[in-house]
Amino acid sequence: MGECKIDHSQDDVLCKLETQHEHLPNDLYQALKDWLGKPQPQSALNEVFHLLKKYDLAAKAEQAERDRELRNLLSQA
């Protein structure tokens, strides 16, 4: 994902997650929601926000890649 200079709050990321809920695999959505229930480092919040951004408009292959990156990030938490 491209580097962004904007820091996204935990609430921003949660809102973005909710807007993409119907497009995400249910287990991934729930894992992200649980993850966002605890304080997270700013760098991780920014990364998750950008992986979720325009998720619904991404091709299936791109969504699968983003899913993999999100799962990888969650496994490191």
N, C-alpha and C. Protein backbone atom coordinates (compact mmCIF):
# COMPACT_ATOMS: atom_id res chain seq x y z
N MET A 1 0.84 -1.18 0.00
CA MET A 1 0.00 0.00 0.00
C MET A 1 0.88 1.23 0.00
N GLY A 2 0.37 2.30 -0.57
CA GLY A 2 1.13 3.53 -0.62
C GLY A 2 1.26 4.16 0.76
N GLU A 3 2.35 4.89 0.92
CA GLU A 3 2.62 5.56 2.19
C GLU A 3 1.72 6.78 2.29
N CYS A 4 1.12 6.99 3.46
CA CYS A 4 0.24 8.13 3.69
C CYS A 4 0.76 8.91 4.88
N LYS A 5 0.62 10.21 4.81
CA LYS A 5 1.12 11.08 5.88
C LYS A 5 0.04 11.37 6.92
N ILE A 6 -1.18 10.87 6.73
CA ILE A 6 -2.28 11.13 7.66
C ILE A 6 -2.35 10.00 8.68
N ASP A 7 -2.41 10.39 9.96
CA ASP A 7 -2.63 9.40 11.01
C ASP A 7 -4.12 9.22 11.20
N HIS A 8 -4.55 7.97 11.18
CA HIS A 8 -5.96 7.64 11.33
C HIS A 8 -6.21 7.16 12.75
N SER A 9 -7.25 7.71 13.38
CA SER A 9 -7.58 7.32 14.75
C SER A 9 -8.21 5.93 14.75
N GLN A 10 -8.27 5.36 15.93
CA GLN A 10 -8.90 4.05 16.08
C GLN A 10 -10.37 4.14 15.64
N ASP A 11 -11.04 5.24 15.97
CA ASP A 11 -12.43 5.44 15.54
C ASP A 11 -12.55 5.53 14.03
N ASP A 12 -11.59 6.21 13.38
CA ASP A 12 -11.59 6.30 11.91
C ASP A 12 -11.51 4.90 11.29
N VAL A 13 -10.63 4.09 11.84
CA VAL A 13 -10.43 2.74 11.31
C VAL A 13 -11.69 1.90 11.55
N LEU A 14 -12.29 2.04 12.71
CA LEU A 14 -13.52 1.30 13.01
C LEU A 14 -14.64 1.72 12.06
N CYS A 15 -14.76 3.00 11.79
CA CYS A 15 -15.77 3.48 10.83
C CYS A 15 -15.52 2.91 9.44
N LYS A 16 -14.25 2.91 9.02
CA LYS A 16 -13.90 2.35 7.71
C LYS A 16 -14.23 0.86 7.67
N LEU A 17 -13.95 0.15 8.76
CA LEU A 17 -14.28 -1.27 8.85
C LEU A 17 -15.78 -1.48 8.66
N GLU A 18 -16.57 -0.66 9.33
CA GLU A 18 -18.03 -0.81 9.23
C GLU A 18 -18.53 -0.55 7.81
N THR A 19 -17.92 0.40 7.11
CA THR A 19 -18.37 0.68 5.73
C THR A 19 -18.03 -0.47 4.78
N GLN A 20 -17.03 -1.29 5.14
CA GLN A 20 -16.62 -2.40 4.28
C GLN A 20 -17.12 -3.75 4.79
N HIS A 21 -17.87 -3.75 5.87
CA HIS A 21 -18.31 -4.99 6.53
C HIS A 21 -18.90 -6.01 5.56
N GLU A 22 -19.83 -5.58 4.74
CA GLU A 22 -20.52 -6.54 3.85
C GLU A 22 -19.62 -7.11 2.76
N HIS A 23 -18.47 -6.51 2.55
CA HIS A 23 -17.55 -6.96 1.50
C HIS A 23 -16.43 -7.86 2.03
N LEU A 24 -16.23 -7.84 3.34
CA LEU A 24 -15.15 -8.61 3.96
C LEU A 24 -15.62 -10.00 4.35
N PRO A 25 -14.71 -10.98 4.35
CA PRO A 25 -15.05 -12.29 4.93
C PRO A 25 -15.46 -12.07 6.40
N ASN A 26 -16.51 -12.74 6.84
CA ASN A 26 -17.05 -12.51 8.18
C ASN A 26 -16.03 -12.75 9.28
N ASP A 27 -15.21 -13.81 9.15
CA ASP A 27 -14.22 -14.08 10.19
C ASP A 27 -13.17 -12.97 10.27
N LEU A 28 -12.80 -12.40 9.13
CA LEU A 28 -11.82 -11.32 9.10
C LEU A 28 -12.43 -10.05 9.70
N TYR A 29 -13.67 -9.77 9.35
CA TYR A 29 -14.36 -8.61 9.93
C TYR A 29 -14.39 -8.72 11.45
N GLN A 30 -14.76 -9.88 11.97
CA GLN A 30 -14.87 -10.06 13.43
C GLN A 30 -13.50 -9.95 14.09
N ALA A 31 -12.48 -10.51 13.46
CA ALA A 31 -11.12 -10.43 14.02
C ALA A 31 -10.65 -8.98 14.06
N LEU A 32 -10.93 -8.22 13.01
CA LEU A 32 -10.54 -6.81 12.99
C LEU A 32 -11.31 -6.01 14.04
N LYS A 33 -12.59 -6.31 14.18
CA LYS A 33 -13.41 -5.61 15.17
C LYS A 33 -12.86 -5.88 16.58
N ASP A 34 -12.51 -7.13 16.87
CA ASP A 34 -11.92 -7.49 18.17
C ASP A 34 -10.59 -6.77 18.36
N TRP A 35 -9.76 -6.76 17.32
CA TRP A 35 -8.45 -6.11 17.36
C TRP A 35 -8.59 -4.63 17.66
N LEU A 36 -9.60 -4.00 17.07
CA LEU A 36 -9.82 -2.57 17.27
C LEU A 36 -10.42 -2.27 18.65
N GLY A 37 -10.81 -3.29 19.38
CA GLY A 37 -11.33 -3.12 20.73
C GLY A 37 -10.23 -2.84 21.74
N LYS A 38 -8.98 -2.95 21.30
CA LYS A 38 -7.82 -2.71 22.17
C LYS A 38 -6.96 -1.61 21.54
N PRO A 39 -6.23 -0.87 22.36
CA PRO A 39 -5.34 0.16 21.78
C PRO A 39 -4.33 -0.47 20.83
N GLN A 40 -4.10 0.20 19.71
CA GLN A 40 -3.18 -0.31 18.69
C GLN A 40 -2.16 0.76 18.31
N PRO A 41 -0.99 0.35 17.87
CA PRO A 41 0.02 1.33 17.43
C PRO A 41 -0.47 2.12 16.21
N GLN A 42 -0.06 3.37 16.15
CA GLN A 42 -0.49 4.24 15.05
C GLN A 42 -0.15 3.66 13.68
N SER A 43 1.03 3.08 13.55
CA SER A 43 1.43 2.53 12.25
C SER A 43 0.49 1.41 11.80
N ALA A 44 0.06 0.57 12.74
CA ALA A 44 -0.85 -0.52 12.41
C ALA A 44 -2.23 0.03 12.04
N LEU A 45 -2.70 1.04 12.76
CA LEU A 45 -3.99 1.65 12.43
C LEU A 45 -3.97 2.23 11.02
N ASN A 46 -2.89 2.92 10.69
CA ASN A 46 -2.78 3.50 9.35
C ASN A 46 -2.77 2.41 8.27
N GLU A 47 -2.04 1.34 8.53
CA GLU A 47 -1.96 0.25 7.55
C GLU A 47 -3.32 -0.40 7.34
N VAL A 48 -4.03 -0.69 8.43
CA VAL A 48 -5.36 -1.31 8.32
C VAL A 48 -6.32 -0.38 7.59
N PHE A 49 -6.28 0.90 7.92
CA PHE A 49 -7.17 1.86 7.25
C PHE A 49 -6.96 1.80 5.73
N HIS A 50 -5.70 1.81 5.30
CA HIS A 50 -5.43 1.83 3.87
C HIS A 50 -5.72 0.50 3.19
N LEU A 51 -5.62 -0.60 3.91
CA LEU A 51 -6.02 -1.88 3.34
C LEU A 51 -7.54 -1.97 3.18
N LEU A 52 -8.27 -1.29 4.07
CA LEU A 52 -9.73 -1.30 3.98
C LEU A 52 -10.27 -0.27 2.99
N LYS A 53 -9.48 0.78 2.75
CA LYS A 53 -9.93 1.87 1.87
C LYS A 53 -10.22 1.33 0.47
N LYS A 54 -11.42 1.61 -0.01
CA LYS A 54 -11.89 1.19 -1.35
C LYS A 54 -11.79 -0.32 -1.56
N TYR A 55 -11.85 -1.07 -0.46
CA TYR A 55 -11.82 -2.54 -0.53
C TYR A 55 -12.93 -3.04 -1.45
N ASP A 56 -14.11 -2.45 -1.32
CA ASP A 56 -15.27 -2.88 -2.10
C ASP A 56 -15.08 -2.68 -3.60
N LEU A 57 -14.23 -1.75 -3.99
CA LEU A 57 -14.00 -1.47 -5.41
C LEU A 57 -12.86 -2.28 -6.01
N ALA A 58 -12.11 -2.96 -5.15
CA ALA A 58 -10.96 -3.74 -5.61
C ALA A 58 -11.42 -5.03 -6.30
N ALA A 59 -10.62 -5.48 -7.26
CA ALA A 59 -10.88 -6.76 -7.91
C ALA A 59 -10.73 -7.89 -6.89
N LYS A 60 -11.32 -9.02 -7.18
CA LYS A 60 -11.28 -10.16 -6.24
C LYS A 60 -9.85 -10.55 -5.89
N ALA A 61 -8.96 -10.54 -6.84
CA ALA A 61 -7.56 -10.89 -6.57
C ALA A 61 -6.93 -9.88 -5.62
N GLU A 62 -7.24 -8.61 -5.81
CA GLU A 62 -6.73 -7.55 -4.92
C GLU A 62 -7.33 -7.70 -3.52
N GLN A 63 -8.61 -8.03 -3.45
CA GLN A 63 -9.24 -8.26 -2.14
C GLN A 63 -8.57 -9.43 -1.42
N ALA A 64 -8.27 -10.49 -2.14
CA ALA A 64 -7.61 -11.65 -1.54
C ALA A 64 -6.23 -11.27 -1.00
N GLU A 65 -5.50 -10.43 -1.74
CA GLU A 65 -4.19 -9.97 -1.29
C GLU A 65 -4.33 -9.11 -0.04
N ARG A 66 -5.30 -8.23 -0.03
CA ARG A 66 -5.54 -7.40 1.15
C ARG A 66 -5.95 -8.26 2.35
N ASP A 67 -6.79 -9.26 2.11
CA ASP A 67 -7.18 -10.18 3.19
C ASP A 67 -5.94 -10.83 3.79
N ARG A 68 -5.04 -11.28 2.93
CA ARG A 68 -3.81 -11.92 3.40
C ARG A 68 -2.97 -10.95 4.23
N GLU A 69 -2.84 -9.72 3.76
CA GLU A 69 -2.07 -8.72 4.50
C GLU A 69 -2.74 -8.39 5.85
N LEU A 70 -4.05 -8.30 5.86
CA LEU A 70 -4.76 -8.02 7.12
C LEU A 70 -4.58 -9.18 8.10
N ARG A 71 -4.72 -10.40 7.61
CA ARG A 71 -4.55 -11.57 8.49
C ARG A 71 -3.12 -11.64 9.04
N ASN A 72 -2.15 -11.31 8.18
CA ASN A 72 -0.75 -11.29 8.61
C ASN A 72 -0.55 -10.25 9.72
N LEU A 73 -1.10 -9.07 9.53
CA LEU A 73 -0.98 -8.04 10.54
C LEU A 73 -1.63 -8.47 11.86
N LEU A 74 -2.79 -9.09 11.78
CA LEU A 74 -3.49 -9.55 12.98
C LEU A 74 -2.70 -10.66 13.69
N SER A 75 -2.02 -11.48 12.93
CA SER A 75 -1.27 -12.58 13.53
C SER A 75 -0.05 -12.08 14.30
N GLN A 76 0.40 -10.88 13.99
CA GLN A 76 1.55 -10.27 14.66
C GLN A 76 1.14 -9.53 15.93
N ALA A 77 -0.17 -9.33 16.11
CA ALA A 77 -0.67 -8.54 17.26
C ALA A 77 -0.53 -9.32 18.56
